[in-house]
Amino acid sequence: MTWVNQYGDPQLPAMVLLHGFMGAKEDWQPMMATMSQYFHCICIDLPGHGDNALVLPHPGLFSAAEHIIQTVNNLGYSRFHLVGYSLGGRIALHIASIQPQALLSLTLESAHPGLLSDDEKYQRAINDNNWADKLLSQPFEQFLQLWYQQTVFSDLSHSQRQFLISKRFSNHPKNLHACYRATSLSLQHDCRNVLNKLSCQSVFITGEQDNKFQQLAKDWQQALHSASLLKLVIITGVGHNIHSMQPYIFSNTLLSILRDDPIQ
């Protein structure tokens, strides 16, 4: 499977890592020297990204989740730690919904659990359709420049923004367009109660400078009526895309969280 990279001893507990929109399996590479000492790391290109040309139906979040589960099962793993960033985190929540018994832990990095009102979903659909149109109608580099000007990336310096843009050219706009339309947040069900299905720990990691997702996580904890169902970890000095901007801090944080419990 060309859309999968694996690191570490296959006998170690499996860890599946899912990148965000326009990312790639290689995004996790800077963490692998550390993480692969403790886990067999499985980094997967999401549908429509990198080497994964799978076209999702519309809506496609559950199909994306089933595709990831099948990929991991085909590699010989029925249970695994699951880490997802942004879109990858939203897909991770759908994996948890489909196969809660498969998860050894769930770690979400800056991932939205779902919009709550029809009006929010309507407004998001308009916004996502506008971005989808730009993705096909504008030169890809111009689209990327606009994308990383969004408020959620406001913590990035010019050089950090250019670094991320340079990494995104391995993608194909038409494939991204299909994935973006199929996985729009406007199509996502509310996934907050998915955590009630899990017997493992669930963690939300967010950046100190990412006020939106920090607040989302706090509101989610309150909605669950139990902070023990969702542990919130806030990393100082960083915004939305923590693992790309601070891979060593992110990997060390992840290890410290997961190794508090016996590795299964």
C-alpha atoms as a PDB file:
ATOM      1  CA  MET A   1       0.000   0.000   0.000  1.00  0.00           C
ATOM      2  CA  THR A   2       1.789   3.082  -1.247  1.00  0.00           C
ATOM      3  CA  TRP A   3      -0.367   5.363   0.903  1.00  0.00           C
ATOM      4  CA  VAL A   4       1.077   3.906   4.148  1.00  0.00           C
ATOM      5  CA  ASN A   5       4.427   4.453   5.898  1.00  0.00           C
ATOM      6  CA  GLN A   6       5.376   2.239   8.838  1.00  0.00           C
ATOM      7  CA  TYR A   7       8.025   2.814  11.499  1.00  0.00           C
ATOM      8  CA  GLY A   8       9.230   0.733  14.425  1.00  0.00           C
ATOM      9  CA  ASP A   9       9.119  -2.896  15.489  1.00  0.00           C
ATOM     10  CA  PRO A  10       5.901  -4.575  14.230  1.00  0.00           C
ATOM     11  CA  GLN A  11       5.671  -6.359  17.594  1.00  0.00           C
ATOM     12  CA  LEU A  12       5.173  -3.073  19.441  1.00  0.00           C
ATOM     13  CA  PRO A  13       1.647  -1.735  20.065  1.00  0.00           C
ATOM     14  CA  ALA A  14       0.289  -0.131  16.889  1.00  0.00           C
ATOM     15  CA  MET A  15      -0.274   3.601  16.612  1.00  0.00           C
ATOM     16  CA  VAL A  16      -2.224   5.004  13.644  1.00  0.00           C
ATOM     17  CA  LEU A  17      -1.587   8.661  12.774  1.00  0.00           C
ATOM     18  CA  LEU A  18      -3.941  10.659  10.541  1.00  0.00           C
ATOM     19  CA  HIS A  19      -2.911  14.048   9.110  1.00  0.00           C
ATOM     20  CA  GLY A  20      -5.138  17.037   8.345  1.00  0.00           C
ATOM     21  CA  PHE A  21      -6.568  18.434   5.114  1.00  0.00           C
ATOM     22  CA  MET A  22      -3.852  18.875   2.455  1.00  0.00           C
ATOM     23  CA  GLY A  23      -1.374  17.028   4.683  1.00  0.00           C
ATOM     24  CA  ALA A  24       0.418  13.762   3.991  1.00  0.00           C
ATOM     25  CA  LYS A  25       1.690  10.693   5.796  1.00  0.00           C
ATOM     26  CA  GLU A  26       5.154  12.270   5.736  1.00  0.00           C
ATOM     27  CA  ASP A  27       3.936  15.079   8.032  1.00  0.00           C
ATOM     28  CA  TRP A  28       4.578  12.786  11.019  1.00  0.00           C
ATOM     29  CA  GLN A  29       8.152  11.906   9.967  1.00  0.00           C
ATOM     30  CA  PRO A  30       9.931  14.301  12.394  1.00  0.00           C
ATOM     31  CA  MET A  31       8.261  12.484  15.311  1.00  0.00           C
ATOM     32  CA  MET A  32       9.090   8.981  14.203  1.00  0.00           C
ATOM     33  CA  ALA A  33      12.593   8.615  15.675  1.00  0.00           C
ATOM     34  CA  THR A  34      11.048   9.048  19.110  1.00  0.00           C
ATOM     35  CA  MET A  35       7.601   7.499  18.711  1.00  0.00           C
ATOM     36  CA  SER A  36       8.812   4.356  16.921  1.00  0.00           C
ATOM     37  CA  GLN A  37      10.831   3.347  19.980  1.00  0.00           C
ATOM     38  CA  TYR A  38       7.570   2.661  21.817  1.00  0.00           C
ATOM     39  CA  PHE A  39       4.987   2.049  19.091  1.00  0.00           C
ATOM     40  CA  HIS A  40       4.719   0.533  15.645  1.00  0.00           C
ATOM     41  CA  CYS A  41       3.671   3.747  13.897  1.00  0.00           C
ATOM     42  CA  ILE A  42       1.351   3.561  10.893  1.00  0.00           C
ATOM     43  CA  CYS A  43       1.107   6.874   9.010  1.00  0.00           C
ATOM     44  CA  ILE A  44      -1.614   6.916   6.369  1.00  0.00           C
ATOM     45  CA  ASP A  45      -2.454   9.276   3.496  1.00  0.00           C
ATOM     46  CA  LEU A  46      -6.123  10.213   3.814  1.00  0.00           C
ATOM     47  CA  PRO A  47      -8.335   9.633   0.750  1.00  0.00           C
ATOM     48  CA  GLY A  48      -7.597  12.192  -1.951  1.00  0.00           C
ATOM     49  CA  HIS A  49      -4.192  12.978  -0.456  1.00  0.00           C
ATOM     50  CA  GLY A  50      -0.673  12.002  -1.483  1.00  0.00           C
ATOM     51  CA  ASP A  51      -0.631   8.454  -2.825  1.00  0.00           C
ATOM     52  CA  ASN A  52      -4.216   7.672  -1.820  1.00  0.00           C
ATOM     53  CA  ALA A  53      -6.479   8.345  -4.800  1.00  0.00           C
ATOM     54  CA  LEU A  54      -9.634   6.870  -3.221  1.00  0.00           C
ATOM     55  CA  VAL A  55     -12.683   8.995  -4.071  1.00  0.00           C
ATOM     56  CA  LEU A  56     -15.139   9.211  -1.174  1.00  0.00           C
ATOM     57  CA  PRO A  57     -18.912   9.247  -1.558  1.00  0.00           C
ATOM     58  CA  HIS A  58     -20.834  12.346  -0.448  1.00  0.00           C
ATOM     59  CA  PRO A  59     -20.962  12.524   2.573  1.00  0.00           C
ATOM     60  CA  GLY A  60     -17.814  10.535   3.138  1.00  0.00           C
ATOM     61  CA  LEU A  61     -16.603  10.684   6.760  1.00  0.00           C
ATOM     62  CA  PHE A  62     -17.824   7.211   7.678  1.00  0.00           C
ATOM     63  CA  SER A  63     -16.451   5.807   4.409  1.00  0.00           C
ATOM     64  CA  ALA A  64     -13.076   7.397   5.159  1.00  0.00           C
ATOM     65  CA  ALA A  65     -13.161   5.840   8.635  1.00  0.00           C
ATOM     66  CA  GLU A  66     -14.001   2.393   7.237  1.00  0.00           C
ATOM     67  CA  HIS A  67     -11.172   2.735   4.703  1.00  0.00           C
ATOM     68  CA  ILE A  68      -8.665   3.490   7.489  1.00  0.00           C
ATOM     69  CA  ILE A  69      -9.908   0.588   9.610  1.00  0.00           C
ATOM     70  CA  GLN A  70      -9.609  -1.792   6.638  1.00  0.00           C
ATOM     71  CA  THR A  71      -6.119  -0.528   5.838  1.00  0.00           C
ATOM     72  CA  VAL A  72      -4.938  -1.109   9.406  1.00  0.00           C
ATOM     73  CA  ASN A  73      -6.626  -4.511   9.622  1.00  0.00           C
ATOM     74  CA  ASN A  74      -4.945  -5.556   6.357  1.00  0.00           C
ATOM     75  CA  LEU A  75      -1.605  -4.758   7.982  1.00  0.00           C
ATOM     76  CA  GLY A  76      -2.456  -7.244  10.728  1.00  0.00           C
ATOM     77  CA  TYR A  77      -3.610  -4.968  13.544  1.00  0.00           C
ATOM     78  CA  SER A  78      -7.053  -5.172  15.140  1.00  0.00           C
ATOM     79  CA  ARG A  79      -6.286  -2.819  18.044  1.00  0.00           C
ATOM     80  CA  PHE A  80      -4.320   0.395  17.963  1.00  0.00           C
ATOM     81  CA  HIS A  81      -3.673   3.802  19.474  1.00  0.00           C
ATOM     82  CA  LEU A  82      -5.234   6.467  17.269  1.00  0.00           C
ATOM     83  CA  VAL A  83      -3.943  10.009  16.717  1.00  0.00           C
ATOM     84  CA  GLY A  84      -5.713  12.482  14.420  1.00  0.00           C
ATOM     85  CA  TYR A  85      -5.075  16.111  13.539  1.00  0.00           C
ATOM     86  CA  SER A  86      -7.904  18.390  12.322  1.00  0.00           C
ATOM     87  CA  LEU A  87      -9.635  16.469   9.477  1.00  0.00           C
ATOM     88  CA  GLY A  88      -7.719  13.368  10.585  1.00  0.00           C
ATOM     89  CA  GLY A  89      -9.140  13.862  14.073  1.00  0.00           C
ATOM     90  CA  ARG A  90     -12.674  14.137  12.733  1.00  0.00           C
ATOM     91  CA  ILE A  91     -12.160  10.876  10.842  1.00  0.00           C
ATOM     92  CA  ALA A  92     -10.679   9.387  14.029  1.00  0.00           C
ATOM     93  CA  LEU A  93     -13.922  10.190  15.854  1.00  0.00           C
ATOM     94  CA  HIS A  94     -15.832   8.258  13.193  1.00  0.00           C
ATOM     95  CA  ILE A  95     -13.425   5.326  13.578  1.00  0.00           C
ATOM     96  CA  ALA A  96     -14.133   5.424  17.317  1.00  0.00           C
ATOM     97  CA  SER A  97     -17.858   5.407  16.569  1.00  0.00           C
ATOM     98  CA  ILE A  98     -17.633   2.394  14.245  1.00  0.00           C
ATOM     99  CA  GLN A  99     -15.136   0.296  16.208  1.00  0.00           C
ATOM    100  CA  PRO A 100     -14.738   1.618  19.765  1.00  0.00           C
ATOM    101  CA  GLN A 101     -13.319  -1.726  20.919  1.00  0.00           C
ATOM    102  CA  ALA A 102     -10.374  -1.366  18.513  1.00  0.00           C
ATOM    103  CA  LEU A 103      -8.943   1.717  20.211  1.00  0.00           C
ATOM    104  CA  LEU A 104      -6.199   1.536  22.827  1.00  0.00           C
ATOM    105  CA  SER A 105      -6.320   5.335  23.135  1.00  0.00           C
ATOM    106  CA  LEU A 106      -7.713   8.298  21.197  1.00  0.00           C
ATOM    107  CA  THR A 107      -5.720  11.510  20.800  1.00  0.00           C
ATOM    108  CA  LEU A 108      -7.263  14.438  18.947  1.00  0.00           C
ATOM    109  CA  GLU A 109      -5.158  17.403  17.890  1.00  0.00           C
ATOM    110  CA  SER A 110      -7.193  20.516  17.083  1.00  0.00           C
ATOM    111  CA  ALA A 111     -10.152  18.451  15.839  1.00  0.00           C
ATOM    112  CA  HIS A 112     -13.780  19.640  15.676  1.00  0.00           C
ATOM    113  CA  PRO A 113     -16.382  17.315  17.261  1.00  0.00           C
ATOM    114  CA  GLY A 114     -19.175  18.675  15.047  1.00  0.00           C
ATOM    115  CA  LEU A 115     -21.433  21.702  14.624  1.00  0.00           C
ATOM    116  CA  LEU A 116     -24.505  21.818  16.844  1.00  0.00           C
ATOM    117  CA  SER A 117     -27.094  23.919  14.985  1.00  0.00           C
ATOM    118  CA  ASP A 118     -28.619  23.779  11.525  1.00  0.00           C
ATOM    119  CA  ASP A 119     -27.698  27.432  11.018  1.00  0.00           C
ATOM    120  CA  GLU A 120     -24.029  26.724  11.787  1.00  0.00           C
ATOM    121  CA  LYS A 121     -24.088  23.824   9.329  1.00  0.00           C
ATOM    122  CA  TYR A 122     -25.752  25.977   6.666  1.00  0.00           C
ATOM    123  CA  GLN A 123     -23.180  28.750   7.039  1.00  0.00           C
ATOM    124  CA  ARG A 124     -20.336  26.243   7.034  1.00  0.00           C
ATOM    125  CA  ALA A 125     -21.665  24.626   3.852  1.00  0.00           C
ATOM    126  CA  ILE A 126     -21.588  28.010   2.103  1.00  0.00           C
ATOM    127  CA  ASN A 127     -18.064  28.661   3.356  1.00  0.00           C
ATOM    128  CA  ASP A 128     -16.788  25.212   2.360  1.00  0.00           C
ATOM    129  CA  ASN A 129     -18.380  25.456  -1.090  1.00  0.00           C
ATOM    130  CA  ASN A 130     -16.578  28.773  -1.614  1.00  0.00           C
ATOM    131  CA  TRP A 131     -13.249  27.213  -0.668  1.00  0.00           C
ATOM    132  CA  ALA A 132     -13.970  24.202  -2.893  1.00  0.00           C
ATOM    133  CA  ASP A 133     -14.623  26.513  -5.852  1.00  0.00           C
ATOM    134  CA  LYS A 134     -11.360  28.373  -5.214  1.00  0.00           C
ATOM    135  CA  LEU A 135      -9.462  25.090  -5.059  1.00  0.00           C
ATOM    136  CA  LEU A 136     -10.390  24.307  -8.661  1.00  0.00           C
ATOM    137  CA  SER A 137     -10.596  27.808 -10.132  1.00  0.00           C
ATOM    138  CA  GLN A 138      -7.342  29.323  -8.845  1.00  0.00           C
ATOM    139  CA  PRO A 139      -3.706  28.334  -9.347  1.00  0.00           C
ATOM    140  CA  PHE A 140      -2.850  25.890  -6.553  1.00  0.00           C
ATOM    141  CA  GLU A 141      -0.140  28.095  -5.058  1.00  0.00           C
ATOM    142  CA  GLN A 142      -2.537  31.036  -4.905  1.00  0.00           C
ATOM    143  CA  PHE A 143      -5.124  28.838  -3.169  1.00  0.00           C
ATOM    144  CA  LEU A 144      -2.526  27.708  -0.622  1.00  0.00           C
ATOM    145  CA  GLN A 145      -1.527  31.293   0.122  1.00  0.00           C
ATOM    146  CA  LEU A 146      -5.169  32.143   0.808  1.00  0.00           C
ATOM    147  CA  TRP A 147      -5.778  28.992   2.855  1.00  0.00           C
ATOM    148  CA  TYR A 148      -2.972  29.695   5.292  1.00  0.00           C
ATOM    149  CA  GLN A 149      -4.163  33.271   5.780  1.00  0.00           C
ATOM    150  CA  GLN A 150      -7.193  31.969   7.703  1.00  0.00           C
ATOM    151  CA  THR A 151      -7.579  33.094  11.312  1.00  0.00           C
ATOM    152  CA  VAL A 152      -6.888  29.608  12.661  1.00  0.00           C
ATOM    153  CA  PHE A 153      -3.341  29.875  11.252  1.00  0.00           C
ATOM    154  CA  SER A 154      -2.739  33.427  12.466  1.00  0.00           C
ATOM    155  CA  ASP A 155       0.015  32.308  14.861  1.00  0.00           C
ATOM    156  CA  LEU A 156       2.242  31.269  11.940  1.00  0.00           C
ATOM    157  CA  SER A 157       5.184  33.403  10.926  1.00  0.00           C
ATOM    158  CA  HIS A 158       5.782  34.108   7.229  1.00  0.00           C
ATOM    159  CA  SER A 159       8.516  31.443   7.086  1.00  0.00           C
ATOM    160  CA  GLN A 160       6.317  28.876   8.856  1.00  0.00           C
ATOM    161  CA  ARG A 161       3.473  29.594   6.449  1.00  0.00           C
ATOM    162  CA  GLN A 162       5.788  29.168   3.458  1.00  0.00           C
ATOM    163  CA  PHE A 163       7.126  25.933   4.955  1.00  0.00           C
ATOM    164  CA  LEU A 164       3.642  24.455   5.112  1.00  0.00           C
ATOM    165  CA  ILE A 165       2.778  25.678   1.613  1.00  0.00           C
ATOM    166  CA  SER A 166       5.909  24.058   0.186  1.00  0.00           C
ATOM    167  CA  LYS A 167       4.879  20.715   1.704  1.00  0.00           C
ATOM    168  CA  ARG A 168       1.423  20.765   0.082  1.00  0.00           C
ATOM    169  CA  PHE A 169       2.504  20.676  -3.564  1.00  0.00           C
ATOM    170  CA  SER A 170       2.599  16.867  -3.578  1.00  0.00           C
ATOM    171  CA  ASN A 171      -1.204  16.872  -3.624  1.00  0.00           C
ATOM    172  CA  HIS A 172      -3.528  17.031  -6.626  1.00  0.00           C
ATOM    173  CA  PRO A 173      -6.187  19.783  -6.466  1.00  0.00           C
ATOM    174  CA  LYS A 174      -8.936  17.647  -8.052  1.00  0.00           C
ATOM    175  CA  ASN A 175      -8.386  14.861  -5.521  1.00  0.00           C
ATOM    176  CA  LEU A 176      -8.328  17.355  -2.663  1.00  0.00           C
ATOM    177  CA  HIS A 177     -11.508  18.948  -3.963  1.00  0.00           C
ATOM    178  CA  ALA A 178     -13.371  15.632  -3.898  1.00  0.00           C
ATOM    179  CA  CYS A 179     -12.199  14.900  -0.349  1.00  0.00           C
ATOM    180  CA  TYR A 180     -12.964  18.397   0.902  1.00  0.00           C
ATOM    181  CA  ARG A 181     -16.525  18.296  -0.432  1.00  0.00           C
ATOM    182  CA  ALA A 182     -17.143  14.812   0.988  1.00  0.00           C
ATOM    183  CA  THR A 183     -15.765  15.592   4.453  1.00  0.00           C
ATOM    184  CA  SER A 184     -17.137  19.120   4.960  1.00  0.00           C
ATOM    185  CA  LEU A 185     -17.768  19.930   8.605  1.00  0.00           C
ATOM    186  CA  SER A 186     -21.284  20.879   7.521  1.00  0.00           C
ATOM    187  CA  LEU A 187     -21.945  17.167   6.812  1.00  0.00           C
ATOM    188  CA  GLN A 188     -20.552  15.874  10.102  1.00  0.00           C
ATOM    189  CA  HIS A 189     -22.799  14.563  12.866  1.00  0.00           C
ATOM    190  CA  ASP A 190     -22.179  15.690  16.421  1.00  0.00           C
ATOM    191  CA  CYS A 191     -19.466  13.296  17.639  1.00  0.00           C
ATOM    192  CA  ARG A 192     -19.232  14.500  21.244  1.00  0.00           C
ATOM    193  CA  ASN A 193     -20.921  11.448  22.747  1.00  0.00           C
ATOM    194  CA  VAL A 194     -18.700   9.021  20.824  1.00  0.00           C
ATOM    195  CA  LEU A 195     -16.331   9.163  23.800  1.00  0.00           C
ATOM    196  CA  ASN A 196     -18.978   7.461  25.948  1.00  0.00           C
ATOM    197  CA  LYS A 197     -18.464   4.314  23.859  1.00  0.00           C
ATOM    198  CA  LEU A 198     -14.755   4.079  24.617  1.00  0.00           C
ATOM    199  CA  SER A 199     -13.098   2.128  27.388  1.00  0.00           C
ATOM    200  CA  CYS A 200      -9.723   3.791  26.680  1.00  0.00           C
ATOM    201  CA  GLN A 201      -8.578   7.309  27.503  1.00  0.00           C
ATOM    202  CA  SER A 202      -9.389  10.211  25.180  1.00  0.00           C
ATOM    203  CA  VAL A 203      -7.153  13.265  24.965  1.00  0.00           C
ATOM    204  CA  PHE A 204      -7.567  16.600  23.207  1.00  0.00           C
ATOM    205  CA  ILE A 205      -4.322  18.463  22.487  1.00  0.00           C
ATOM    206  CA  THR A 206      -4.549  22.102  21.489  1.00  0.00           C
ATOM    207  CA  GLY A 207      -2.202  25.053  21.217  1.00  0.00           C
ATOM    208  CA  GLU A 208      -2.247  27.905  23.704  1.00  0.00           C
ATOM    209  CA  GLN A 209      -2.643  30.366  20.814  1.00  0.00           C
ATOM    210  CA  ASP A 210      -5.546  28.480  19.232  1.00  0.00           C
ATOM    211  CA  ASN A 211      -8.372  30.103  21.187  1.00  0.00           C
ATOM    212  CA  LYS A 212     -11.132  28.609  19.039  1.00  0.00           C
ATOM    213  CA  PHE A 213     -10.204  24.975  19.555  1.00  0.00           C
ATOM    214  CA  GLN A 214      -9.171  25.486  23.160  1.00  0.00           C
ATOM    215  CA  GLN A 215     -12.695  26.742  23.856  1.00  0.00           C
ATOM    216  CA  LEU A 216     -14.254  23.931  21.805  1.00  0.00           C
ATOM    217  CA  ALA A 217     -12.454  21.382  23.955  1.00  0.00           C
ATOM    218  CA  LYS A 218     -13.508  23.064  27.210  1.00  0.00           C
ATOM    219  CA  ASP A 219     -17.133  23.226  26.057  1.00  0.00           C
ATOM    220  CA  TRP A 220     -16.926  19.578  25.044  1.00  0.00           C
ATOM    221  CA  GLN A 221     -15.692  18.615  28.518  1.00  0.00           C
ATOM    222  CA  GLN A 222     -18.640  20.463  30.076  1.00  0.00           C
ATOM    223  CA  ALA A 223     -21.123  18.795  27.720  1.00  0.00           C
ATOM    224  CA  LEU A 224     -19.811  15.381  28.782  1.00  0.00           C
ATOM    225  CA  HIS A 225     -20.442  16.257  32.457  1.00  0.00           C
ATOM    226  CA  SER A 226     -17.152  14.545  33.257  1.00  0.00           C
ATOM    227  CA  ALA A 227     -13.693  15.932  32.589  1.00  0.00           C
ATOM    228  CA  SER A 228     -12.359  12.380  33.014  1.00  0.00           C
ATOM    229  CA  LEU A 229     -13.907  11.377  29.654  1.00  0.00           C
ATOM    230  CA  LEU A 230     -11.772  13.915  27.790  1.00  0.00           C
ATOM    231  CA  LYS A 231      -8.387  15.049  29.029  1.00  0.00           C
ATOM    232  CA  LEU A 232      -7.389  18.496  27.744  1.00  0.00           C
ATOM    233  CA  VAL A 233      -3.713  19.266  27.181  1.00  0.00           C
ATOM    234  CA  ILE A 234      -2.739  22.804  26.179  1.00  0.00           C
ATOM    235  CA  ILE A 235       0.748  23.293  24.702  1.00  0.00           C
ATOM    236  CA  THR A 236       2.209  26.740  25.242  1.00  0.00           C
ATOM    237  CA  GLY A 237       3.671  28.940  22.531  1.00  0.00           C
ATOM    238  CA  VAL A 238       1.949  27.302  19.572  1.00  0.00           C
ATOM    239  CA  GLY A 239      -1.330  27.470  17.626  1.00  0.00           C
ATOM    240  CA  HIS A 240      -3.440  25.080  15.549  1.00  0.00           C
ATOM    241  CA  ASN A 241      -0.881  22.869  13.770  1.00  0.00           C
ATOM    242  CA  ILE A 242       1.232  21.699  16.702  1.00  0.00           C
ATOM    243  CA  HIS A 243       2.844  18.549  15.323  1.00  0.00           C
ATOM    244  CA  SER A 244       4.177  20.383  12.248  1.00  0.00           C
ATOM    245  CA  MET A 245       5.455  23.463  14.074  1.00  0.00           C
ATOM    246  CA  GLN A 246       6.735  21.707  17.214  1.00  0.00           C
ATOM    247  CA  PRO A 247       7.109  17.985  16.397  1.00  0.00           C
ATOM    248  CA  TYR A 248       9.452  17.217  19.278  1.00  0.00           C
ATOM    249  CA  ILE A 249       7.255  18.931  21.856  1.00  0.00           C
ATOM    250  CA  PHE A 250       4.195  17.199  20.420  1.00  0.00           C
ATOM    251  CA  SER A 251       5.805  13.734  20.422  1.00  0.00           C
ATOM    252  CA  ASN A 252       7.134  14.144  23.961  1.00  0.00           C
ATOM    253  CA  THR A 253       3.728  15.335  25.134  1.00  0.00           C
ATOM    254  CA  LEU A 254       2.045  12.384  23.460  1.00  0.00           C
ATOM    255  CA  LEU A 255       4.493   9.940  25.016  1.00  0.00           C
ATOM    256  CA  SER A 256       4.053  11.390  28.475  1.00  0.00           C
ATOM    257  CA  ILE A 257       0.280  11.067  28.152  1.00  0.00           C
ATOM    258  CA  LEU A 258       0.225   7.511  26.830  1.00  0.00           C
ATOM    259  CA  ARG A 259       2.964   6.154  29.062  1.00  0.00           C
ATOM    260  CA  ASP A 260       1.118   7.217  32.190  1.00  0.00           C
ATOM    261  CA  ASP A 261      -0.927   4.086  31.479  1.00  0.00           C
ATOM    262  CA  PRO A 262       0.691   0.693  30.928  1.00  0.00           C
ATOM    263  CA  ILE A 263       1.369   0.209  27.210  1.00  0.00           C
ATOM    264  CA  GLN A 264      -0.839  -2.655  26.080  1.00  0.00           C
END
